[in-house]
C-alpha cells in the first residue's frame, strides 16, 4: 500500500479501537446480516481487494485506506476464529495450529523486513504483512474467547488483564524497540486478544447492534480526525 500511517501513539490507539470494532463487525456480519461465519468471507475479500485497488489509483495517498483495510481484515479474522467453534474444535488444537502458522508468518515477514518500519517511520505493508495481520486476528479471537470462557475471566476481566499486558508491551517497546518485528507482532496479537474480549463485553451489555454502532463511532472519529482532516491540515500548512 501507498497510504501508510506513521507508527506513533495515534497508530496504537487506532489499532486498539479497530480491534474492538472488528470484533463487533465480525459478529454483525455473521449474525445480523445472516451471512454466517463462512458466507461473509467472499464479500469481505472483495471489499479488501477494492480498498487495495483504490489505494493504487487515488492521486494522493492517505492512511484512511490502510485503516479501512485493517478493519476489513479484522472483521474476517473474527469470523474465521469463530468457525473453529462451529466445527467443535477444542481450544488446545485451534490455538496451537493458528499460533504455529502465526509464528511461521512472522518469521517470513522478519526474513524480508529487518524492521517493521521504513525510513519514513511507516509500517512495511507487504503481502506477508497482511497474512500476519489476518492470523493475529484469528489468534486473538480464539485467545480472547479462551481467556473469557475457558479460564473464566469473563469478557470484561479478560479485556482488563490482556489490556494490561498490552500497556506493558508498549512500555517495553518505547524508544524504537517496538519496531522489532517479533515485539511488534506480539503486541498486535495481544491487542487483538484484548479487543475480542472488550467487543464481546460491550455487545453483552449494549446488544450487538448498539455495540457495533458505538465502537464504529469510536473507530471512525479518531481515524478521520488523525488521518483525514489532520492529514489535509498538515498539507495546507505546508
Protein backbone atom coordinates (compact mmCIF):
# COMPACT_ATOMS: atom_id res chain seq x y z
CA UNK A 1 0.00 0.00 0.00
CA UNK A 2 1.00 3.61 -0.57
CA UNK A 3 -1.31 5.10 2.06
CA UNK A 4 0.50 4.34 5.30
CA UNK A 5 0.36 5.84 8.81
CA UNK A 6 3.35 6.64 11.00
CA UNK A 7 3.83 4.28 13.94
CA UNK A 8 3.21 6.51 16.95
CA UNK A 9 0.76 6.76 19.84
CA UNK A 10 -2.09 7.54 17.43
CA UNK A 11 -1.32 4.40 15.47
CA UNK A 12 -1.51 2.14 18.53
CA UNK A 13 -4.65 3.82 19.80
CA UNK A 14 -6.39 3.35 16.45
CA UNK A 15 -5.24 -0.28 16.25
CA UNK A 16 -6.76 -0.97 19.68
CA UNK A 17 -10.09 0.64 18.74
CA UNK A 18 -10.07 -1.18 15.38
CA UNK A 19 -9.67 -4.49 17.18
CA UNK A 20 -12.75 -3.89 19.34
CA UNK A 21 -14.78 -2.62 16.40
CA UNK A 22 -13.66 -5.54 14.23
CA UNK A 23 -14.90 -7.99 16.84
CA UNK A 24 -18.36 -6.45 16.68
CA UNK A 25 -18.42 -6.13 12.88
CA UNK A 26 -17.42 -9.77 12.53
CA UNK A 27 -20.33 -10.85 14.72
CA UNK A 28 -22.63 -8.34 13.00
CA UNK A 29 -21.84 -9.70 9.53
CA UNK A 30 -22.42 -13.30 10.59
CA UNK A 31 -25.44 -12.80 12.88
CA UNK A 32 -27.28 -9.59 11.95
CA UNK A 33 -26.68 -9.87 8.20
CA UNK A 34 -27.35 -13.63 8.39
CA UNK A 35 -24.30 -14.49 6.29
CA UNK A 36 -22.80 -16.90 8.80
CA UNK A 37 -19.10 -17.22 9.56
CA UNK A 38 -18.30 -18.52 6.06
CA UNK A 39 -20.80 -16.69 3.85
CA UNK A 40 -19.45 -13.24 4.64
CA UNK A 41 -15.82 -14.04 3.82
CA UNK A 42 -16.09 -13.70 -0.01
CA UNK A 43 -17.74 -10.30 0.41
CA UNK A 44 -15.04 -9.18 2.82
CA UNK A 45 -12.33 -10.46 0.47
CA UNK A 46 -13.87 -8.45 -2.36
CA UNK A 47 -14.05 -5.34 -0.18
CA UNK A 48 -10.41 -5.79 0.83
CA UNK A 49 -9.35 -6.09 -2.82
CA UNK A 50 -11.37 -2.97 -3.68
CA UNK A 51 -9.64 -0.98 -0.92
CA UNK A 52 -6.21 -2.04 -2.19
CA UNK A 53 -7.22 -1.07 -5.73
CA UNK A 54 -8.43 2.36 -4.63
CA UNK A 55 -5.18 2.88 -2.77
CA UNK A 56 -3.33 2.21 -6.01
CA UNK A 57 -5.34 4.52 -8.24
CA UNK A 58 -6.02 7.53 -5.99
CA UNK A 59 -3.90 10.54 -6.75
CA UNK A 60 -2.92 11.46 -3.22
CA UNK A 61 -2.48 8.53 -0.83
CA UNK A 62 -3.97 8.97 2.64
CA UNK A 63 -3.72 6.49 5.56
CA UNK A 64 -7.51 6.16 5.72
CA UNK A 65 -7.28 3.37 3.15
CA UNK A 66 -4.84 1.48 5.37
CA UNK A 67 -7.27 1.63 8.30
CA UNK A 68 -10.22 0.58 6.18
CA UNK A 69 -8.17 -2.44 5.07
CA UNK A 70 -7.27 -3.17 8.71
CA UNK A 71 -10.89 -3.22 9.85
CA UNK A 72 -11.88 -5.45 6.91
CA UNK A 73 -9.16 -7.96 7.78
CA UNK A 74 -10.11 -7.84 11.47
CA UNK A 75 -13.77 -8.49 10.63
CA UNK A 76 -12.85 -11.50 8.51
CA UNK A 77 -10.48 -12.81 11.19
CA UNK A 78 -13.27 -12.74 13.77
CA UNK A 79 -15.43 -14.95 11.56
CA UNK A 80 -12.57 -17.35 10.80
CA UNK A 81 -11.83 -17.69 14.51
CA UNK A 82 -15.48 -18.37 15.27
CA UNK A 83 -15.54 -21.05 12.56
CA UNK A 84 -13.41 -23.23 14.83
CA UNK A 85 -16.23 -23.11 17.38
CA UNK A 86 -18.73 -24.12 14.69
CA UNK A 87 -16.58 -27.14 13.92
CA UNK A 88 -16.32 -28.00 17.64
CA UNK A 89 -12.53 -27.90 17.57
CA UNK A 90 -11.05 -27.61 21.04
CA UNK A 91 -9.01 -24.55 22.01
CA UNK A 92 -5.94 -26.73 22.52
CA UNK A 93 -5.98 -27.64 18.83
CA UNK A 94 -7.23 -24.41 17.27
CA UNK A 95 -4.93 -22.08 19.21
CA UNK A 96 -1.93 -24.35 18.69
CA UNK A 97 -2.49 -24.53 14.93
CA UNK A 98 -3.05 -20.81 14.45
CA UNK A 99 -0.17 -19.92 16.77
CA UNK A 100 2.18 -22.13 14.75
CA UNK A 101 1.01 -20.55 11.49
CA UNK A 102 1.35 -17.08 13.01
CA UNK A 103 4.92 -17.73 14.17
CA UNK A 104 5.84 -19.00 10.71
CA UNK A 105 4.24 -15.97 9.04
CA UNK A 106 6.10 -13.59 11.36
CA UNK A 107 9.35 -15.43 10.57
CA UNK A 108 8.73 -14.93 6.84
CA UNK A 109 7.91 -11.28 7.39
CA UNK A 110 11.04 -10.83 9.51
CA UNK A 111 13.11 -12.66 6.91
CA UNK A 112 12.37 -9.94 4.36
CA UNK A 113 11.87 -6.98 6.73
CA UNK A 114 14.62 -6.40 9.29
CA UNK A 115 12.42 -3.80 10.96
CA UNK A 116 8.72 -3.07 10.84
CA UNK A 117 9.17 0.48 9.59
CA UNK A 118 10.74 2.26 6.67
CA UNK A 119 12.89 5.38 6.90
CA UNK A 120 9.68 7.44 6.98
CA UNK A 121 8.59 5.61 10.15
CA UNK A 122 5.68 3.93 8.39
CA UNK A 123 4.77 0.28 8.63
CA UNK A 124 6.10 -2.04 5.91
CA UNK A 125 2.99 -3.41 4.22
CA UNK A 126 3.86 -6.43 2.12
CA UNK A 127 1.75 -9.49 1.24
CA UNK A 128 3.25 -11.26 4.26
CA UNK A 129 2.17 -8.31 6.42
CA UNK A 130 -1.50 -8.97 5.64
CA UNK A 131 -1.05 -12.69 6.30
CA UNK A 132 0.43 -11.86 9.70
CA UNK A 133 -2.37 -9.39 10.46
CA UNK A 134 -5.05 -11.92 9.49
CA UNK A 135 -3.50 -14.68 11.61
CA UNK A 136 -3.04 -12.25 14.52
CA UNK A 137 -6.77 -11.51 14.32
CA UNK A 138 -7.75 -15.18 14.24
CA UNK A 139 -5.38 -15.96 17.11
CA UNK A 140 -6.73 -13.01 19.08
CA UNK A 141 -10.31 -14.17 18.55
CA UNK A 142 -9.52 -17.64 19.85
CA UNK A 143 -7.31 -16.44 22.69
CA UNK A 144 -9.87 -13.84 23.76
CA UNK A 145 -12.61 -16.48 23.92
CA UNK A 146 -10.27 -18.86 25.74
CA UNK A 147 -9.41 -16.27 28.40
CA UNK A 148 -13.03 -15.17 28.78
CA UNK A 149 -14.76 -18.55 28.92
CA UNK A 150 -12.28 -21.37 29.40
CA UNK A 151 -10.24 -19.51 32.04
CA UNK A 152 -13.49 -17.98 33.38
CA UNK A 153 -12.12 -14.44 33.44
CA UNK A 154 -15.31 -13.24 31.72
CA UNK A 155 -15.02 -10.82 28.75
CA UNK A 156 -14.59 -7.69 30.94
CA UNK A 157 -11.97 -9.43 33.09
CA UNK A 158 -10.08 -10.76 30.10
CA UNK A 159 -10.12 -7.30 28.49
CA UNK A 160 -8.57 -5.77 31.63
CA UNK A 161 -5.96 -8.50 32.10
CA UNK A 162 -4.82 -8.67 28.48
CA UNK A 163 -5.14 -4.90 28.11
CA UNK A 164 -2.66 -4.55 30.96
CA UNK A 165 -0.26 -6.78 29.04
CA UNK A 166 -0.66 -4.53 26.00
CA UNK A 167 0.27 -1.48 28.07
CA UNK A 168 3.29 -3.36 29.39
CA UNK A 169 4.41 -4.31 25.88
CA UNK A 170 4.06 -0.75 24.62
CA UNK A 171 6.04 0.47 27.61
CA UNK A 172 8.79 -2.05 26.93
CA UNK A 173 8.77 -1.07 23.28
CA UNK A 174 9.43 2.61 23.84
CA UNK A 175 12.37 4.33 22.13
CA UNK A 176 12.11 2.28 18.97
CA UNK A 177 12.17 -1.25 20.40
CA UNK A 178 8.56 -1.81 19.31
CA UNK A 179 9.79 -1.67 15.71
CA UNK A 180 11.43 -5.08 16.02
CA UNK A 181 9.09 -7.49 14.14
CA UNK A 182 8.84 -10.01 17.00
CA UNK A 183 7.84 -7.36 19.55
CA UNK A 184 5.57 -5.57 17.08
CA UNK A 185 3.61 -8.68 16.14
CA UNK A 186 3.41 -9.92 19.74
CA UNK A 187 1.85 -6.59 20.67
CA UNK A 188 -0.58 -6.78 17.74
CA UNK A 189 -1.68 -10.29 18.79
CA UNK A 190 -2.29 -9.12 22.37
CA UNK A 191 -4.26 -6.13 21.10
CA UNK A 192 -6.40 -8.49 19.05
CA UNK A 193 -6.98 -10.67 22.13
CA UNK A 194 -7.98 -7.74 24.34
CA UNK A 195 -10.17 -6.36 21.56
CA UNK A 196 -12.09 -9.62 21.28
CA UNK A 197 -12.87 -9.63 25.00
CA UNK A 198 -13.77 -5.92 25.03
CA UNK A 199 -16.02 -6.25 21.98
CA UNK A 200 -17.85 -9.23 23.49
CA UNK A 201 -18.25 -7.40 26.80
CA UNK A 202 -19.81 -4.35 25.13
CA UNK A 203 -22.10 -6.48 22.96
CA UNK A 204 -23.33 -8.31 26.06
CA UNK A 205 -24.15 -5.06 27.86
CA UNK A 206 -25.45 -2.93 24.98
CA UNK A 207 -26.58 -5.56 22.42
CA UNK A 208 -24.60 -6.30 19.27
CA UNK A 209 -26.23 -3.58 17.16
CA UNK A 210 -25.62 -0.77 19.64
CA UNK A 211 -22.15 -2.01 20.46
CA UNK A 212 -21.24 -2.07 16.76
CA UNK A 213 -22.57 1.47 16.34
CA UNK A 214 -20.68 2.74 19.40
CA UNK A 215 -17.37 1.08 18.56
CA UNK A 216 -17.80 2.15 14.93
CA UNK A 217 -18.01 5.78 16.01
CA UNK A 218 -15.06 5.26 18.36
CA UNK A 219 -13.11 3.95 15.35
CA UNK A 220 -14.19 6.43 12.67
CA UNK A 221 -13.95 9.66 14.66
CA UNK A 222 -10.24 9.38 15.58
CA UNK A 223 -9.36 7.80 12.24
CA UNK A 224 -10.88 10.69 10.29
CA UNK A 225 -9.52 13.22 12.77
CA UNK A 226 -5.96 11.86 12.73
CA UNK A 227 -5.62 10.69 9.15
CA UNK A 228 -8.31 12.53 7.22
CA UNK A 229 -8.80 16.08 8.48
CA UNK A 230 -5.43 16.07 10.20
CA UNK A 231 -3.65 14.95 7.04
CA UNK A 232 -5.35 17.69 4.99
CA UNK A 233 -4.50 20.34 7.59
CA UNK A 234 -0.81 19.39 7.59
CA UNK A 235 -0.70 19.63 3.79
CA UNK A 236 -2.34 23.05 3.79
CA UNK A 237 0.11 24.30 6.43
CA UNK A 238 2.98 23.25 4.20
